[in-house]
Amino acid sequence: MDEIVNEPAVAYQKRHFTIEEYLEMEKSSPVKHEYYQGEIFAISGAGLNHNEIFSNVFVEIGNKLKGKPCRPYGSDMRMNIPENTLFTYPDISIYCNGLKQSDVDENSFTLPTVIIEILSPSTKNYDRGKKFTLYKDIPSLKEYVMIDSESVSVEAYYLDDRQNWVVNKHELISDRVNLVSMGFGIALTDIYNHALFNDAI
């Protein structure tokens, strides 16, 4: 099975792919991949803390958005940024006032309002750096939240009235993360419920 999964990764390095080729390959792939400017990258699996945090945050957001025009989606929701070609699967994305399909794929969607990524040791530098830069090209994006899965640490970026990105950092379990554009907050005790660390929370 490992050979089947790893074989395409070798092929990906040989040449650039069109968006159509990527989408066709993704239909039958056992793992998810990102696409960016002709290159395809495998997305690694998630650990226990990642899954605990995802469940906690998704439930909290879902409850608070019930009956409102914004809806949260998990990592099976593929997002496309036409402005820079990126196709990716954010851990949690919030779309408001309905879903807009990508012009090139009916199963990919554009224009999220909020993106939340749960950081792992292998992805945190990418999520904080290059990926955030690409996310900034989304014209509808108002907030980008990064939640560390290995320690109590949340970086919450939002666009202020002057369209500048402002960050609120939270490293105390007693803190609360505010989703400014959504009009509610989530306590870090709820975010990290059941997450396991070397030092007890």
C-alpha atoms as a PDB file:
ATOM      1  CA  MET A   1       0.000   0.000   0.000  1.00  0.00           C
ATOM      2  CA  ASP A   2       2.874   2.387   0.785  1.00  0.00           C
ATOM      3  CA  GLU A   3       4.195   2.013  -2.755  1.00  0.00           C
ATOM      4  CA  ILE A   4       0.810   2.948  -4.204  1.00  0.00           C
ATOM      5  CA  VAL A   5       0.585   6.055  -2.044  1.00  0.00           C
ATOM      6  CA  ASN A   6       4.189   7.142  -2.568  1.00  0.00           C
ATOM      7  CA  GLU A   7       4.442   6.492  -6.311  1.00  0.00           C
ATOM      8  CA  PRO A   8       2.548   9.641  -7.419  1.00  0.00           C
ATOM      9  CA  ALA A   9       4.756  11.814  -5.211  1.00  0.00           C
ATOM     10  CA  VAL A  10       7.726  10.828  -7.367  1.00  0.00           C
ATOM     11  CA  ALA A  11       5.798  11.568 -10.558  1.00  0.00           C
ATOM     12  CA  TYR A  12       4.763  14.972  -9.225  1.00  0.00           C
ATOM     13  CA  GLN A  13       8.397  16.046  -9.183  1.00  0.00           C
ATOM     14  CA  LYS A  14       8.956  15.304 -12.868  1.00  0.00           C
ATOM     15  CA  ARG A  15       6.811  18.006 -14.409  1.00  0.00           C
ATOM     16  CA  HIS A  16       4.203  20.643 -13.737  1.00  0.00           C
ATOM     17  CA  PHE A  17       0.536  19.728 -13.896  1.00  0.00           C
ATOM     18  CA  THR A  18      -2.449  21.628 -15.169  1.00  0.00           C
ATOM     19  CA  ILE A  19      -5.330  22.349 -12.826  1.00  0.00           C
ATOM     20  CA  GLU A  20      -7.463  19.887 -14.801  1.00  0.00           C
ATOM     21  CA  GLU A  21      -4.874  17.135 -14.329  1.00  0.00           C
ATOM     22  CA  TYR A  22      -4.671  17.837 -10.599  1.00  0.00           C
ATOM     23  CA  LEU A  23      -8.445  17.721 -10.170  1.00  0.00           C
ATOM     24  CA  GLU A  24      -8.703  14.468 -12.101  1.00  0.00           C
ATOM     25  CA  MET A  25      -5.934  12.854 -10.026  1.00  0.00           C
ATOM     26  CA  GLU A  26      -7.519  14.067  -6.813  1.00  0.00           C
ATOM     27  CA  LYS A  27     -10.772  12.233  -7.589  1.00  0.00           C
ATOM     28  CA  SER A  28      -9.134   8.832  -7.149  1.00  0.00           C
ATOM     29  CA  SER A  29      -6.367   9.695  -4.691  1.00  0.00           C
ATOM     30  CA  PRO A  30      -6.447   8.012  -1.232  1.00  0.00           C
ATOM     31  CA  VAL A  31      -4.851  11.127   0.289  1.00  0.00           C
ATOM     32  CA  LYS A  32      -5.512  14.837  -0.157  1.00  0.00           C
ATOM     33  CA  HIS A  33      -3.149  17.107  -2.056  1.00  0.00           C
ATOM     34  CA  GLU A  34      -2.628  20.822  -2.447  1.00  0.00           C
ATOM     35  CA  TYR A  35      -2.055  22.392  -5.831  1.00  0.00           C
ATOM     36  CA  TYR A  36      -0.074  25.561  -6.448  1.00  0.00           C
ATOM     37  CA  GLN A  37       1.175  26.886  -9.786  1.00  0.00           C
ATOM     38  CA  GLY A  38       1.586  23.487 -11.370  1.00  0.00           C
ATOM     39  CA  GLU A  39       3.000  21.670  -8.360  1.00  0.00           C
ATOM     40  CA  ILE A  40       1.195  19.098  -6.228  1.00  0.00           C
ATOM     41  CA  PHE A  41       1.897  18.467  -2.552  1.00  0.00           C
ATOM     42  CA  ALA A  42       0.601  15.659  -0.338  1.00  0.00           C
ATOM     43  CA  ILE A  43      -1.135  16.700   2.888  1.00  0.00           C
ATOM     44  CA  SER A  44       0.003  14.740   5.939  1.00  0.00           C
ATOM     45  CA  GLY A  45      -2.402  13.043   8.296  1.00  0.00           C
ATOM     46  CA  ALA A  46      -3.539  14.559  11.603  1.00  0.00           C
ATOM     47  CA  GLY A  47      -2.567  13.485  15.122  1.00  0.00           C
ATOM     48  CA  LEU A  48      -4.741  13.034  18.201  1.00  0.00           C
ATOM     49  CA  ASN A  49      -4.449  16.615  19.485  1.00  0.00           C
ATOM     50  CA  HIS A  50      -5.236  17.957  16.031  1.00  0.00           C
ATOM     51  CA  ASN A  51      -8.426  15.911  15.902  1.00  0.00           C
ATOM     52  CA  GLU A  52      -9.462  16.832  19.447  1.00  0.00           C
ATOM     53  CA  ILE A  53      -8.978  20.532  18.737  1.00  0.00           C
ATOM     54  CA  PHE A  54     -10.810  20.302  15.420  1.00  0.00           C
ATOM     55  CA  SER A  55     -13.811  18.628  17.049  1.00  0.00           C
ATOM     56  CA  ASN A  56     -13.905  21.177  19.861  1.00  0.00           C
ATOM     57  CA  VAL A  57     -13.678  24.229  17.625  1.00  0.00           C
ATOM     58  CA  PHE A  58     -16.031  22.929  14.953  1.00  0.00           C
ATOM     59  CA  VAL A  59     -18.749  22.147  17.496  1.00  0.00           C
ATOM     60  CA  GLU A  60     -18.366  25.545  19.193  1.00  0.00           C
ATOM     61  CA  ILE A  61     -18.547  27.429  15.906  1.00  0.00           C
ATOM     62  CA  GLY A  62     -21.424  25.332  14.607  1.00  0.00           C
ATOM     63  CA  ASN A  63     -23.488  25.998  17.712  1.00  0.00           C
ATOM     64  CA  LYS A  64     -22.832  29.735  17.647  1.00  0.00           C
ATOM     65  CA  LEU A  65     -23.640  30.061  13.929  1.00  0.00           C
ATOM     66  CA  LYS A  66     -26.880  28.098  14.087  1.00  0.00           C
ATOM     67  CA  GLY A  67     -29.608  30.059  12.343  1.00  0.00           C
ATOM     68  CA  LYS A  68     -27.135  32.579  10.899  1.00  0.00           C
ATOM     69  CA  PRO A  69     -26.064  33.116   7.259  1.00  0.00           C
ATOM     70  CA  CYS A  70     -22.524  31.829   7.873  1.00  0.00           C
ATOM     71  CA  ARG A  71     -21.671  28.104   7.960  1.00  0.00           C
ATOM     72  CA  PRO A  72     -18.518  26.234   8.980  1.00  0.00           C
ATOM     73  CA  TYR A  73     -16.985  23.426   6.938  1.00  0.00           C
ATOM     74  CA  GLY A  74     -14.251  20.918   7.739  1.00  0.00           C
ATOM     75  CA  SER A  75     -11.148  19.759   5.914  1.00  0.00           C
ATOM     76  CA  ASP A  76     -13.056  17.845   3.234  1.00  0.00           C
ATOM     77  CA  MET A  77     -14.140  21.197   1.784  1.00  0.00           C
ATOM     78  CA  ARG A  78     -11.673  22.031  -0.990  1.00  0.00           C
ATOM     79  CA  MET A  79     -10.982  25.714  -1.423  1.00  0.00           C
ATOM     80  CA  ASN A  80      -9.636  27.460  -4.508  1.00  0.00           C
ATOM     81  CA  ILE A  81      -7.992  30.865  -4.722  1.00  0.00           C
ATOM     82  CA  PRO A  82      -8.221  31.870  -8.416  1.00  0.00           C
ATOM     83  CA  GLU A  83      -5.968  34.869  -7.779  1.00  0.00           C
ATOM     84  CA  ASN A  84      -2.934  32.605  -7.214  1.00  0.00           C
ATOM     85  CA  THR A  85      -4.123  29.099  -8.348  1.00  0.00           C
ATOM     86  CA  LEU A  86      -3.973  27.503  -4.876  1.00  0.00           C
ATOM     87  CA  PHE A  87      -6.243  24.535  -4.178  1.00  0.00           C
ATOM     88  CA  THR A  88      -6.168  23.466  -0.544  1.00  0.00           C
ATOM     89  CA  TYR A  89      -8.199  21.982   2.296  1.00  0.00           C
ATOM     90  CA  PRO A  90      -8.303  24.309   5.335  1.00  0.00           C
ATOM     91  CA  ASP A  91      -8.989  22.581   8.639  1.00  0.00           C
ATOM     92  CA  ILE A  92     -12.029  24.811   9.158  1.00  0.00           C
ATOM     93  CA  SER A  93     -13.456  27.445   6.845  1.00  0.00           C
ATOM     94  CA  ILE A  94     -16.484  29.650   7.337  1.00  0.00           C
ATOM     95  CA  TYR A  95     -18.502  30.759   4.327  1.00  0.00           C
ATOM     96  CA  CYS A  96     -21.194  33.413   4.550  1.00  0.00           C
ATOM     97  CA  ASN A  97     -24.262  34.016   2.380  1.00  0.00           C
ATOM     98  CA  GLY A  98     -23.987  30.765   0.465  1.00  0.00           C
ATOM     99  CA  LEU A  99     -21.205  28.928  -1.349  1.00  0.00           C
ATOM    100  CA  LYS A 100     -19.564  30.136  -4.536  1.00  0.00           C
ATOM    101  CA  GLN A 101     -18.147  27.373  -6.714  1.00  0.00           C
ATOM    102  CA  SER A 102     -14.801  27.719  -8.416  1.00  0.00           C
ATOM    103  CA  ASP A 103     -15.051  28.552 -12.108  1.00  0.00           C
ATOM    104  CA  VAL A 104     -12.911  25.488 -12.887  1.00  0.00           C
ATOM    105  CA  ASP A 105     -14.347  22.922 -10.471  1.00  0.00           C
ATOM    106  CA  GLU A 106     -17.817  22.491  -9.030  1.00  0.00           C
ATOM    107  CA  ASN A 107     -16.417  20.705  -5.967  1.00  0.00           C
ATOM    108  CA  SER A 108     -14.052  23.517  -4.991  1.00  0.00           C
ATOM    109  CA  PHE A 109     -15.224  26.737  -3.410  1.00  0.00           C
ATOM    110  CA  THR A 110     -14.040  30.321  -3.209  1.00  0.00           C
ATOM    111  CA  LEU A 111     -14.514  33.385  -1.010  1.00  0.00           C
ATOM    112  CA  PRO A 112     -14.442  32.165   2.599  1.00  0.00           C
ATOM    113  CA  THR A 113     -14.775  34.746   5.364  1.00  0.00           C
ATOM    114  CA  VAL A 114     -12.732  32.941   8.025  1.00  0.00           C
ATOM    115  CA  ILE A 115     -10.018  30.273   7.790  1.00  0.00           C
ATOM    116  CA  ILE A 116      -8.779  28.290  10.784  1.00  0.00           C
ATOM    117  CA  GLU A 117      -5.688  26.076  10.600  1.00  0.00           C
ATOM    118  CA  ILE A 118      -4.596  23.701  13.355  1.00  0.00           C
ATOM    119  CA  LEU A 119      -0.810  23.743  13.377  1.00  0.00           C
ATOM    120  CA  SER A 120       1.372  20.663  13.564  1.00  0.00           C
ATOM    121  CA  PRO A 121       5.185  20.556  13.797  1.00  0.00           C
ATOM    122  CA  SER A 122       5.453  19.726  10.094  1.00  0.00           C
ATOM    123  CA  THR A 123       3.119  22.477   8.852  1.00  0.00           C
ATOM    124  CA  LYS A 124       3.371  25.407  11.269  1.00  0.00           C
ATOM    125  CA  ASN A 125       6.073  27.300   9.378  1.00  0.00           C
ATOM    126  CA  TYR A 126       4.182  26.935   6.097  1.00  0.00           C
ATOM    127  CA  ASP A 127       0.854  27.926   7.660  1.00  0.00           C
ATOM    128  CA  ARG A 128       2.396  31.015   9.284  1.00  0.00           C
ATOM    129  CA  GLY A 129       4.391  32.055   6.253  1.00  0.00           C
ATOM    130  CA  LYS A 130       3.747  31.156   2.620  1.00  0.00           C
ATOM    131  CA  LYS A 131       0.209  29.888   3.159  1.00  0.00           C
ATOM    132  CA  PHE A 132      -0.875  33.024   4.988  1.00  0.00           C
ATOM    133  CA  THR A 133       0.570  35.088   2.152  1.00  0.00           C
ATOM    134  CA  LEU A 134      -1.529  33.106  -0.329  1.00  0.00           C
ATOM    135  CA  TYR A 135      -4.631  33.383   1.853  1.00  0.00           C
ATOM    136  CA  LYS A 136      -4.276  37.164   1.860  1.00  0.00           C
ATOM    137  CA  ASP A 137      -5.158  37.106  -1.858  1.00  0.00           C
ATOM    138  CA  ILE A 138      -8.716  36.020  -0.977  1.00  0.00           C
ATOM    139  CA  PRO A 139     -10.820  39.185  -1.383  1.00  0.00           C
ATOM    140  CA  SER A 140     -13.501  38.021   1.081  1.00  0.00           C
ATOM    141  CA  LEU A 141     -11.168  36.839   3.867  1.00  0.00           C
ATOM    142  CA  LYS A 142     -11.569  38.752   7.123  1.00  0.00           C
ATOM    143  CA  GLU A 143      -9.882  36.466   9.647  1.00  0.00           C
ATOM    144  CA  TYR A 144      -7.160  33.822   9.784  1.00  0.00           C
ATOM    145  CA  VAL A 145      -6.700  31.844  13.000  1.00  0.00           C
ATOM    146  CA  MET A 146      -3.822  29.447  13.719  1.00  0.00           C
ATOM    147  CA  ILE A 147      -4.157  27.055  16.647  1.00  0.00           C
ATOM    148  CA  ASP A 148      -1.064  25.203  17.832  1.00  0.00           C
ATOM    149  CA  SER A 149      -1.664  21.518  18.508  1.00  0.00           C
ATOM    150  CA  GLU A 150       1.471  20.983  20.613  1.00  0.00           C
ATOM    151  CA  SER A 151       1.119  23.855  23.088  1.00  0.00           C
ATOM    152  CA  VAL A 152      -1.412  26.430  24.252  1.00  0.00           C
ATOM    153  CA  SER A 153      -0.953  29.059  21.568  1.00  0.00           C
ATOM    154  CA  VAL A 154      -3.434  30.750  19.244  1.00  0.00           C
ATOM    155  CA  GLU A 155      -2.640  33.478  16.719  1.00  0.00           C
ATOM    156  CA  ALA A 156      -5.777  35.245  15.528  1.00  0.00           C
ATOM    157  CA  TYR A 157      -5.386  37.670  12.626  1.00  0.00           C
ATOM    158  CA  TYR A 158      -8.175  39.965  11.490  1.00  0.00           C
ATOM    159  CA  LEU A 159      -8.557  42.869   9.080  1.00  0.00           C
ATOM    160  CA  ASP A 160      -9.068  46.190  10.824  1.00  0.00           C
ATOM    161  CA  ASP A 161     -11.014  49.195   9.496  1.00  0.00           C
ATOM    162  CA  ARG A 162      -7.976  50.278   7.468  1.00  0.00           C
ATOM    163  CA  GLN A 163      -7.645  46.840   5.868  1.00  0.00           C
ATOM    164  CA  ASN A 164      -4.483  46.050   7.814  1.00  0.00           C
ATOM    165  CA  TRP A 165      -3.913  42.618   9.308  1.00  0.00           C
ATOM    166  CA  VAL A 166      -3.817  42.805  13.108  1.00  0.00           C
ATOM    167  CA  VAL A 167      -2.886  39.855  15.334  1.00  0.00           C
ATOM    168  CA  ASN A 168      -4.061  38.867  18.792  1.00  0.00           C
ATOM    169  CA  LYS A 169      -1.900  36.195  20.403  1.00  0.00           C
ATOM    170  CA  HIS A 170      -3.191  33.946  23.176  1.00  0.00           C
ATOM    171  CA  GLU A 171      -0.947  31.717  25.285  1.00  0.00           C
ATOM    172  CA  LEU A 172      -2.927  31.476  28.511  1.00  0.00           C
ATOM    173  CA  ILE A 173      -5.539  28.760  28.914  1.00  0.00           C
ATOM    174  CA  SER A 174      -7.730  31.369  30.625  1.00  0.00           C
ATOM    175  CA  ASP A 175      -7.794  33.493  27.435  1.00  0.00           C
ATOM    176  CA  ARG A 176     -10.596  33.782  24.926  1.00  0.00           C
ATOM    177  CA  VAL A 177     -10.236  34.056  21.141  1.00  0.00           C
ATOM    178  CA  ASN A 178     -12.599  36.521  19.518  1.00  0.00           C
ATOM    179  CA  LEU A 179     -13.756  35.949  15.950  1.00  0.00           C
ATOM    180  CA  VAL A 180     -14.295  39.602  15.186  1.00  0.00           C
ATOM    181  CA  SER A 181     -16.179  39.160  11.920  1.00  0.00           C
ATOM    182  CA  MET A 182     -18.477  36.535  13.446  1.00  0.00           C
ATOM    183  CA  GLY A 183     -19.295  38.464  16.605  1.00  0.00           C
ATOM    184  CA  PHE A 184     -18.424  35.768  19.135  1.00  0.00           C
ATOM    185  CA  GLY A 185     -15.482  34.237  20.959  1.00  0.00           C
ATOM    186  CA  ILE A 186     -14.260  30.792  22.020  1.00  0.00           C
ATOM    187  CA  ALA A 187     -12.524  30.077  25.309  1.00  0.00           C
ATOM    188  CA  LEU A 188      -9.156  28.350  25.084  1.00  0.00           C
ATOM    189  CA  THR A 189     -10.390  25.881  27.697  1.00  0.00           C
ATOM    190  CA  ASP A 190     -12.982  24.786  25.130  1.00  0.00           C
ATOM    191  CA  ILE A 191     -10.491  24.779  22.246  1.00  0.00           C
ATOM    192  CA  TYR A 192      -8.003  22.564  24.096  1.00  0.00           C
ATOM    193  CA  ASN A 193     -10.488  20.313  25.892  1.00  0.00           C
ATOM    194  CA  HIS A 194      -9.086  16.722  25.915  1.00  0.00           C
ATOM    195  CA  ALA A 195      -5.837  17.780  24.192  1.00  0.00           C
ATOM    196  CA  LEU A 196      -2.818  16.108  25.796  1.00  0.00           C
ATOM    197  CA  PHE A 197       0.386  17.999  26.547  1.00  0.00           C
ATOM    198  CA  ASN A 198       3.531  17.237  28.534  1.00  0.00           C
ATOM    199  CA  ASP A 199       2.421  19.778  31.107  1.00  0.00           C
ATOM    200  CA  ALA A 200      -1.172  19.546  32.247  1.00  0.00           C
ATOM    201  CA  ILE A 201      -3.574  22.318  31.268  1.00  0.00           C
END
